[in-house]
């Protein structure tokens, strides 16, 4: 009982006091003892620290090229070219096979579109990673047809939503970083939800809702947006403004986003 009280007291101390320190200081404090390393490496502490220091610390810009992964500092919204640092990807693969899909709380969601296709959750700061498809069948993630989104729920758990599109069916799966498990959700029912659509491969989070734009190949009037409420874990269909050049604009945006990505170190 006494040891448990001590642990709770130190956890409160870490979350309330140490979480307000700069990232480099936290890194040094992890070397104090095993207990300090354990508490300061937890998912909960990382999220609390990120939310409290994000507005004070400089952002980082990752540039993914065919030959290297470059890391730059962003100072007052401007790229510091002199701060360029080349970092390595922890999985042995050609860099041309990598695509940055999304980021949240200093974590990057990476697609390795090769055989088999894989989803990698990667922390560029510590270089730790998790292969989210290591126990799944071949082609679990299809970059051309599937879509993903990342967010943090009300319990401070990092969640990854995967929308698998197979023929005319869409099957949603939700991954929990705390439990390291996938679960299958219920999707909407209706015609033309899985066919003849062009998807971006990552959703945009706004006000606890993940949005997946789904322009129609041949008929712009049939285009819509899939909305996922992260609190209720339910889906809805939202109309989007019509455009005669939906496909071209979406494609150009995807090419730009695949090259650059900004995140805040945790």
Protein backbone atom coordinates (compact mmCIF):
# COMPACT_ATOMS: atom_id res chain seq x y z
CA UNK A 1 0.00 0.00 0.00
CA UNK A 2 2.83 2.36 0.90
CA UNK A 3 4.67 1.67 -2.40
CA UNK A 4 1.48 2.29 -4.36
CA UNK A 5 0.99 5.63 -2.61
CA UNK A 6 4.58 6.59 -3.40
CA UNK A 7 4.07 5.72 -7.06
CA UNK A 8 0.86 7.77 -7.27
CA UNK A 9 2.58 10.72 -5.62
CA UNK A 10 5.48 10.58 -8.08
CA UNK A 11 3.07 10.19 -11.01
CA UNK A 12 1.26 13.36 -9.91
CA UNK A 13 4.63 15.10 -9.49
CA UNK A 14 5.68 14.08 -13.01
CA UNK A 15 2.38 15.01 -14.68
CA UNK A 16 1.94 18.33 -12.85
CA UNK A 17 5.53 19.57 -12.48
CA UNK A 18 7.95 17.76 -14.78
CA UNK A 19 5.54 17.93 -17.73
CA UNK A 20 6.10 21.70 -17.84
CA UNK A 21 9.86 21.37 -18.48
CA UNK A 22 11.48 21.64 -21.94
CA UNK A 23 11.93 18.44 -23.91
CA UNK A 24 15.73 18.30 -23.47
CA UNK A 25 15.39 18.57 -19.68
CA UNK A 26 12.88 15.72 -19.62
CA UNK A 27 15.30 13.61 -21.69
CA UNK A 28 18.05 14.13 -19.12
CA UNK A 29 15.75 13.37 -16.19
CA UNK A 30 14.94 9.96 -17.67
CA UNK A 31 18.48 8.93 -16.68
CA UNK A 32 17.89 9.57 -12.94
CA UNK A 33 16.46 6.13 -12.17
CA UNK A 34 14.35 3.30 -13.57
CA UNK A 35 11.23 4.79 -11.97
CA UNK A 36 11.87 8.19 -13.53
CA UNK A 37 12.53 6.62 -16.92
CA UNK A 38 9.33 4.56 -16.69
CA UNK A 39 7.08 7.48 -15.71
CA UNK A 40 8.63 9.98 -18.12
CA UNK A 41 8.36 7.51 -21.01
CA UNK A 42 4.68 6.71 -20.55
CA UNK A 43 2.10 7.59 -23.22
CA UNK A 44 0.12 9.68 -20.73
CA UNK A 45 3.12 11.81 -19.76
CA UNK A 46 4.06 12.33 -23.42
CA UNK A 47 0.58 13.63 -24.25
CA UNK A 48 0.40 15.90 -21.19
CA UNK A 49 3.89 17.26 -21.90
CA UNK A 50 3.03 17.87 -25.56
CA UNK A 51 -0.12 19.81 -24.76
CA UNK A 52 1.61 22.00 -22.18
CA UNK A 53 4.78 22.80 -24.11
CA UNK A 54 3.63 22.77 -27.73
CA UNK A 55 2.99 26.51 -27.85
CA UNK A 56 6.39 27.29 -26.33
CA UNK A 57 8.68 24.98 -28.26
CA UNK A 58 9.78 25.28 -31.86
CA UNK A 59 8.08 23.04 -34.37
CA UNK A 60 9.98 20.62 -36.56
CA UNK A 61 9.63 20.14 -40.29
CA UNK A 62 10.28 16.73 -41.84
CA UNK A 63 11.16 16.55 -45.51
CA UNK A 64 10.91 13.13 -47.10
CA UNK A 65 13.00 12.83 -50.26
CA UNK A 66 14.14 9.89 -52.38
CA UNK A 67 17.56 9.89 -50.73
CA UNK A 68 17.07 11.12 -47.16
CA UNK A 69 14.72 12.18 -44.38
CA UNK A 70 15.61 15.74 -43.42
CA UNK A 71 14.68 17.40 -40.14
CA UNK A 72 14.55 21.23 -39.85
CA UNK A 73 13.67 23.64 -37.07
CA UNK A 74 10.84 26.09 -37.60
CA UNK A 75 11.47 29.43 -35.93
CA UNK A 76 8.60 31.93 -35.97
CA UNK A 77 7.06 30.05 -38.89
CA UNK A 78 10.27 30.07 -40.97
CA UNK A 79 12.48 27.10 -41.85
CA UNK A 80 15.97 27.29 -40.37
CA UNK A 81 18.05 25.83 -43.20
CA UNK A 82 21.20 25.73 -41.05
CA UNK A 83 19.48 23.35 -38.60
CA UNK A 84 19.16 20.57 -41.20
CA UNK A 85 19.68 17.13 -39.73
CA UNK A 86 19.41 13.81 -41.54
CA UNK A 87 17.55 11.12 -39.58
CA UNK A 88 17.13 7.43 -40.35
CA UNK A 89 13.95 5.41 -40.68
CA UNK A 90 13.91 2.42 -38.29
CA UNK A 91 12.54 -0.04 -40.88
CA UNK A 92 14.83 -1.35 -43.61
CA UNK A 93 13.12 -0.20 -46.81
CA UNK A 94 13.68 2.09 -49.76
CA UNK A 95 12.70 5.69 -48.93
CA UNK A 96 10.73 5.94 -52.17
CA UNK A 97 8.31 3.38 -50.70
CA UNK A 98 7.41 5.67 -47.76
CA UNK A 99 4.47 8.04 -47.52
CA UNK A 100 3.68 10.27 -44.53
CA UNK A 101 -0.06 9.90 -43.96
CA UNK A 102 -0.72 11.85 -40.76
CA UNK A 103 0.77 13.10 -37.49
CA UNK A 104 -0.44 13.66 -33.95
CA UNK A 105 1.36 14.58 -30.76
CA UNK A 106 4.81 14.14 -32.29
CA UNK A 107 3.94 10.73 -33.78
CA UNK A 108 3.97 10.08 -37.52
CA UNK A 109 1.81 7.54 -39.32
CA UNK A 110 3.85 6.12 -42.21
CA UNK A 111 2.80 3.88 -45.08
CA UNK A 112 5.25 1.44 -46.65
CA UNK A 113 3.53 0.72 -49.94
CA UNK A 114 5.31 -2.40 -51.04
CA UNK A 115 4.60 -6.12 -50.67
CA UNK A 116 3.22 -6.54 -48.08
CA UNK A 117 1.87 -3.06 -47.45
CA UNK A 118 2.41 -1.85 -43.89
CA UNK A 119 1.40 0.94 -41.51
CA UNK A 120 4.13 2.23 -39.19
CA UNK A 121 3.53 4.44 -36.15
CA UNK A 122 6.86 6.23 -35.67
CA UNK A 123 8.30 8.66 -33.12
CA UNK A 124 11.11 10.51 -34.96
CA UNK A 125 12.46 11.88 -31.67
CA UNK A 126 13.16 8.51 -30.02
CA UNK A 127 13.15 6.49 -33.29
CA UNK A 128 10.78 3.99 -31.68
CA UNK A 129 8.13 2.49 -33.95
CA UNK A 130 5.22 0.07 -34.06
CA UNK A 131 4.20 -1.98 -37.08
CA UNK A 132 0.41 -1.86 -36.97
CA UNK A 133 0.02 -4.59 -39.60
CA UNK A 134 2.47 -7.16 -38.26
CA UNK A 135 -0.26 -9.65 -37.34
CA UNK A 136 -2.55 -9.00 -40.28
CA UNK A 137 -2.88 -10.66 -43.70
CA UNK A 138 -1.01 -9.53 -46.75
CA UNK A 139 -2.22 -6.23 -48.24
CA UNK A 140 -3.89 -5.27 -44.96
CA UNK A 141 -3.40 -1.64 -45.93
CA UNK A 142 -3.88 -0.57 -49.55
CA UNK A 143 -2.56 2.93 -50.21
CA UNK A 144 -4.67 3.36 -53.35
CA UNK A 145 -8.03 2.39 -51.88
CA UNK A 146 -7.88 2.63 -48.07
CA UNK A 147 -7.88 5.68 -45.80
CA UNK A 148 -6.53 6.35 -42.31
CA UNK A 149 -6.79 8.97 -39.58
CA UNK A 150 -5.08 9.51 -36.22
CA UNK A 151 -6.36 11.25 -33.09
CA UNK A 152 -6.27 11.29 -29.28
CA UNK A 153 -9.48 10.42 -27.46
CA UNK A 154 -10.83 11.77 -24.15
CA UNK A 155 -8.87 9.12 -22.20
CA UNK A 156 -5.56 10.28 -23.77
CA UNK A 157 -5.29 7.15 -25.88
CA UNK A 158 -3.81 7.47 -29.37
CA UNK A 159 -6.24 5.95 -31.88
CA UNK A 160 -5.79 5.09 -35.56
CA UNK A 161 -8.86 4.70 -37.74
CA UNK A 162 -8.46 2.54 -40.84
CA UNK A 163 -11.14 2.46 -43.53
CA UNK A 164 -10.64 -0.61 -45.71
CA UNK A 165 -12.34 -0.46 -49.09
CA UNK A 166 -12.77 -3.85 -50.71
CA UNK A 167 -14.91 -3.85 -53.86
CA UNK A 168 -18.20 -2.15 -52.89
CA UNK A 169 -17.74 -2.55 -49.13
CA UNK A 170 -16.03 -0.33 -46.55
CA UNK A 171 -14.90 -1.97 -43.31
CA UNK A 172 -13.65 0.36 -40.53
CA UNK A 173 -11.03 -0.80 -38.00
CA UNK A 174 -9.88 1.15 -34.92
CA UNK A 175 -6.46 0.68 -33.31
CA UNK A 176 -5.70 1.59 -29.68
CA UNK A 177 -2.14 2.42 -28.71
CA UNK A 178 -2.88 1.59 -25.07
CA UNK A 179 -4.12 -1.95 -25.77
CA UNK A 180 -2.18 -2.52 -29.03
CA UNK A 181 -5.31 -4.12 -30.50
CA UNK A 182 -7.66 -3.55 -33.44
CA UNK A 183 -11.43 -3.64 -33.26
CA UNK A 184 -13.99 -3.55 -36.07
CA UNK A 185 -16.61 -0.78 -36.16
CA UNK A 186 -19.97 -0.53 -37.89
CA UNK A 187 -20.09 1.54 -41.06
CA UNK A 188 -23.00 3.32 -42.76
CA UNK A 189 -25.35 1.47 -45.06
CA UNK A 190 -26.20 2.78 -48.49
CA UNK A 191 -25.42 2.48 -52.20
CA UNK A 192 -22.24 3.77 -53.83
CA UNK A 193 -20.28 4.11 -50.58
CA UNK A 194 -17.39 1.94 -51.63
CA UNK A 195 -17.16 2.14 -55.42
CA UNK A 196 -16.16 4.78 -57.97
CA UNK A 197 -14.60 7.04 -55.35
CA UNK A 198 -11.18 8.66 -55.14
CA UNK A 199 -9.87 8.88 -51.57
CA UNK A 200 -7.07 10.82 -49.98
CA UNK A 201 -5.22 8.35 -47.76
CA UNK A 202 -5.58 10.33 -44.52
CA UNK A 203 -8.35 12.11 -42.70
CA UNK A 204 -8.34 15.68 -41.35
CA UNK A 205 -9.23 16.16 -37.67
CA UNK A 206 -11.37 19.15 -36.66
CA UNK A 207 -13.44 19.55 -33.47
CA UNK A 208 -13.21 15.83 -32.60
CA UNK A 209 -14.35 14.77 -36.07
CA UNK A 210 -12.22 13.05 -38.72
CA UNK A 211 -13.16 14.05 -42.26
CA UNK A 212 -12.40 11.95 -45.35
CA UNK A 213 -13.19 13.71 -48.67
CA UNK A 214 -14.47 11.25 -51.29
CA UNK A 215 -14.72 12.87 -54.74
CA UNK A 216 -16.56 10.79 -57.35
CA UNK A 217 -14.58 9.81 -60.43
CA UNK A 218 -17.19 10.54 -63.07
CA UNK A 219 -20.02 12.44 -61.40
CA UNK A 220 -18.99 15.37 -59.14
CA UNK A 221 -22.56 15.66 -57.87
CA UNK A 222 -22.13 12.30 -56.16
CA UNK A 223 -19.08 13.47 -54.19
CA UNK A 224 -19.33 13.64 -50.42
CA UNK A 225 -17.28 13.60 -47.21
CA UNK A 226 -17.21 10.79 -44.66
CA UNK A 227 -17.26 12.16 -41.10
CA UNK A 228 -16.19 10.09 -38.08
CA UNK A 229 -17.09 11.35 -34.59
CA UNK A 230 -14.20 10.28 -32.36
CA UNK A 231 -16.29 10.44 -29.17
CA UNK A 232 -19.26 8.32 -30.26
CA UNK A 233 -17.21 6.33 -32.83
CA UNK A 234 -19.98 6.73 -35.41
CA UNK A 235 -19.98 7.71 -39.09
CA UNK A 236 -22.05 10.16 -41.10
CA UNK A 237 -22.18 11.45 -44.65
CA UNK A 238 -21.61 15.15 -45.38
CA UNK A 239 -22.08 16.92 -48.72
CA UNK A 240 -19.12 18.86 -50.10
CA UNK A 241 -19.04 21.91 -52.42
CA UNK A 242 -19.08 20.98 -56.08
CA UNK A 243 -16.09 21.54 -58.33
CA UNK A 244 -15.32 20.62 -61.94
CA UNK A 245 -11.72 19.86 -61.03
CA UNK A 246 -12.02 17.90 -57.80
CA UNK A 247 -9.73 15.05 -58.79
CA UNK A 248 -6.89 17.24 -60.05
CA UNK A 249 -6.87 19.48 -56.99
CA UNK A 250 -6.97 16.58 -54.57
CA UNK A 251 -4.12 14.83 -56.38
CA UNK A 252 -1.89 17.91 -56.30
CA UNK A 253 -2.52 18.37 -52.58
CA UNK A 254 -1.61 14.73 -51.91
CA UNK A 255 1.74 15.12 -53.70
CA UNK A 256 2.64 18.18 -51.64
CA UNK A 257 1.63 16.63 -48.33
CA UNK A 258 3.65 13.49 -49.03
CA UNK A 259 6.83 15.59 -49.27
CA UNK A 260 6.55 17.84 -46.19
CA UNK A 261 5.23 17.23 -42.71
CA UNK A 262 5.38 19.34 -39.56
CA UNK A 263 5.30 18.00 -36.02
CA UNK A 264 6.22 19.03 -32.49
CA UNK A 265 8.80 16.98 -30.61
CA UNK A 266 7.59 15.13 -27.50
